[in-house]
C-alpha atoms as a PDB file:
ATOM      1  CA  MET A   1       0.000   0.000   0.000  1.00  0.00           C
ATOM      2  CA  LYS A   2       1.300   3.471  -0.911  1.00  0.00           C
ATOM      3  CA  ILE A   3       0.185   6.399   1.255  1.00  0.00           C
ATOM      4  CA  SER A   4       1.029  10.095   1.309  1.00  0.00           C
ATOM      5  CA  PHE A   5       0.661  11.771   4.701  1.00  0.00           C
ATOM      6  CA  GLY A   6       0.435  15.535   4.892  1.00  0.00           C
ATOM      7  CA  ILE A   7       1.079  17.243   8.228  1.00  0.00           C
ATOM      8  CA  LEU A   8      -0.066  20.848   8.490  1.00  0.00           C
ATOM      9  CA  THR A   9       1.889  22.815  11.077  1.00  0.00           C
ATOM     10  CA  TYR A  10       3.258  26.252  11.890  1.00  0.00           C
ATOM     11  CA  PRO A  11       6.368  27.670  13.626  1.00  0.00           C
ATOM     12  CA  GLY A  12       6.636  26.599  17.246  1.00  0.00           C
ATOM     13  CA  ASN A  13       4.768  23.321  16.812  1.00  0.00           C
ATOM     14  CA  GLU A  14       7.710  21.207  15.658  1.00  0.00           C
ATOM     15  CA  GLU A  15       7.547  19.008  18.767  1.00  0.00           C
ATOM     16  CA  LYS A  16       3.877  18.219  18.148  1.00  0.00           C
ATOM     17  CA  ALA A  17       4.578  17.503  14.488  1.00  0.00           C
ATOM     18  CA  GLN A  18       7.413  15.157  15.514  1.00  0.00           C
ATOM     19  CA  LYS A  19       4.942  13.117  17.617  1.00  0.00           C
ATOM     20  CA  THR A  20       2.627  12.894  14.616  1.00  0.00           C
ATOM     21  CA  ILE A  21       5.536  11.715  12.447  1.00  0.00           C
ATOM     22  CA  LYS A  22       6.526   9.041  14.979  1.00  0.00           C
ATOM     23  CA  SER A  23       2.940   7.768  15.100  1.00  0.00           C
ATOM     24  CA  ILE A  24       2.974   7.387  11.300  1.00  0.00           C
ATOM     25  CA  GLU A  25       6.350   5.639  11.325  1.00  0.00           C
ATOM     26  CA  SER A  26       5.103   3.140  13.924  1.00  0.00           C
ATOM     27  CA  GLN A  27       2.417   1.868  11.517  1.00  0.00           C
ATOM     28  CA  ASN A  28       3.030  -1.193   9.389  1.00  0.00           C
ATOM     29  CA  ILE A  29       3.035   0.644   6.048  1.00  0.00           C
ATOM     30  CA  THR A  30       5.482  -0.551   3.431  1.00  0.00           C
ATOM     31  CA  LEU A  31       5.590   2.484   1.154  1.00  0.00           C
ATOM     32  CA  TYR A  32       4.740   5.958   2.365  1.00  0.00           C
ATOM     33  CA  GLU A  33       5.834   9.555   2.321  1.00  0.00           C
ATOM     34  CA  ILE A  34       5.362  12.324   4.854  1.00  0.00           C
ATOM     35  CA  ILE A  35       5.037  15.915   3.691  1.00  0.00           C
ATOM     36  CA  VAL A  36       5.273  18.513   6.458  1.00  0.00           C
ATOM     37  CA  ILE A  37       3.970  21.921   5.428  1.00  0.00           C
ATOM     38  CA  GLY A  38       4.926  24.904   7.560  1.00  0.00           C
ATOM     39  CA  GLY A  39       7.073  25.324  10.645  1.00  0.00           C
ATOM     40  CA  SER A  40      10.825  24.909  10.752  1.00  0.00           C
ATOM     41  CA  ASN A  41      12.701  22.040   9.142  1.00  0.00           C
ATOM     42  CA  VAL A  42      13.983  20.102  12.154  1.00  0.00           C
ATOM     43  CA  TYR A  43      13.068  16.643  10.841  1.00  0.00           C
ATOM     44  CA  LYS A  44      15.536  13.879  10.002  1.00  0.00           C
ATOM     45  CA  ASN A  45      13.373  11.193   8.414  1.00  0.00           C
ATOM     46  CA  THR A  46      14.151   9.441   5.127  1.00  0.00           C
ATOM     47  CA  ASN A  47      10.537   9.380   3.894  1.00  0.00           C
ATOM     48  CA  LEU A  48       9.928  13.013   4.806  1.00  0.00           C
ATOM     49  CA  ILE A  49       9.778  16.210   2.784  1.00  0.00           C
ATOM     50  CA  HIS A  50       9.481  19.589   4.503  1.00  0.00           C
ATOM     51  CA  LEU A  51       7.883  22.435   2.571  1.00  0.00           C
ATOM     52  CA  GLU A  52       8.241  25.958   3.877  1.00  0.00           C
ATOM     53  CA  PHE A  53       5.172  28.150   4.159  1.00  0.00           C
ATOM     54  CA  ASP A  54       5.132  31.929   4.505  1.00  0.00           C
ATOM     55  CA  GLU A  55       2.937  32.477   7.561  1.00  0.00           C
ATOM     56  CA  SER A  56       3.091  36.253   7.090  1.00  0.00           C
ATOM     57  CA  ILE A  57       0.577  36.004   4.228  1.00  0.00           C
ATOM     58  CA  LYS A  58      -2.115  34.580   6.497  1.00  0.00           C
ATOM     59  CA  LYS A  59      -1.187  32.813   9.737  1.00  0.00           C
ATOM     60  CA  GLY A  60      -2.285  29.171   9.818  1.00  0.00           C
ATOM     61  CA  TRP A  61      -3.681  29.266   6.290  1.00  0.00           C
ATOM     62  CA  ILE A  62      -4.882  25.656   6.488  1.00  0.00           C
ATOM     63  CA  THR A  63      -6.756  25.527   3.164  1.00  0.00           C
ATOM     64  CA  LYS A  64      -3.685  26.696   1.245  1.00  0.00           C
ATOM     65  CA  LYS A  65      -1.493  24.169   3.063  1.00  0.00           C
ATOM     66  CA  ARG A  66      -3.937  21.370   2.186  1.00  0.00           C
ATOM     67  CA  ASN A  67      -3.867  22.354  -1.476  1.00  0.00           C
ATOM     68  CA  ILE A  68      -0.060  22.311  -1.449  1.00  0.00           C
ATOM     69  CA  PHE A  69      -0.108  18.811   0.056  1.00  0.00           C
ATOM     70  CA  PHE A  70      -2.606  17.513  -2.502  1.00  0.00           C
ATOM     71  CA  LYS A  71      -0.485  18.949  -5.318  1.00  0.00           C
ATOM     72  CA  GLU A  72       2.838  17.585  -4.024  1.00  0.00           C
ATOM     73  CA  ALA A  73       1.719  14.101  -2.892  1.00  0.00           C
ATOM     74  CA  LYS A  74       2.971  11.278  -5.086  1.00  0.00           C
ATOM     75  CA  TYR A  75       0.698   8.448  -3.958  1.00  0.00           C
ATOM     76  CA  GLU A  76      -3.017   7.890  -4.553  1.00  0.00           C
ATOM     77  CA  ILE A  77      -4.038   7.414  -0.927  1.00  0.00           C
ATOM     78  CA  LEU A  78      -3.882  10.777   0.856  1.00  0.00           C
ATOM     79  CA  VAL A  79      -4.098  11.400   4.596  1.00  0.00           C
ATOM     80  CA  CYS A  80      -4.059  15.072   5.560  1.00  0.00           C
ATOM     81  CA  MET A  81      -3.502  15.726   9.292  1.00  0.00           C
ATOM     82  CA  HIS A  82      -2.957  18.576  11.691  1.00  0.00           C
ATOM     83  CA  ASP A  83       0.172  18.526  13.837  1.00  0.00           C
ATOM     84  CA  TYR A  84      -1.793  17.813  17.015  1.00  0.00           C
ATOM     85  CA  LEU A  85      -3.152  14.467  15.764  1.00  0.00           C
ATOM     86  CA  THR A  86      -1.466  11.091  16.191  1.00  0.00           C
ATOM     87  CA  LEU A  87      -2.331   7.625  14.925  1.00  0.00           C
ATOM     88  CA  ASP A  88      -3.042   4.838  17.396  1.00  0.00           C
ATOM     89  CA  LEU A  89      -0.477   2.052  17.483  1.00  0.00           C
ATOM     90  CA  ASN A  90      -3.061  -0.534  16.464  1.00  0.00           C
ATOM     91  CA  LEU A  91      -4.438   1.399  13.519  1.00  0.00           C
ATOM     92  CA  PHE A  92      -4.440  -0.712  10.376  1.00  0.00           C
ATOM     93  CA  PHE A  93      -4.765   0.566   6.829  1.00  0.00           C
ATOM     94  CA  PHE A  94      -6.605  -1.795   4.538  1.00  0.00           C
ATOM     95  CA  GLU A  95      -6.281  -1.692   0.792  1.00  0.00           C
ATOM     96  CA  CYS A  96      -9.638  -1.297  -0.945  1.00  0.00           C
ATOM     97  CA  THR A  97     -10.502  -1.912  -4.566  1.00  0.00           C
ATOM     98  CA  PHE A  98     -13.451  -0.318  -6.273  1.00  0.00           C
END
């Protein structure tokens, strides 16, 4: 299963975003990417891309950050999250066919 995770954050919330990242990494997902939008680039993960966001335009501009994530994601399954959310350890992602 291939999943793109987008984490929407802002400066000062890097510690919260790091907890979100760790909760994603603890899942049993074979192929994934994490795109962090906003905040400072303090992350050292191999599957992670950090995209800067100019908060001076409009602080916490969540809709713009979501659109950036949707544009940049490379996989078909998209999970867009705020930096204060974490995934439970026993959360399983099932592949669905339509």
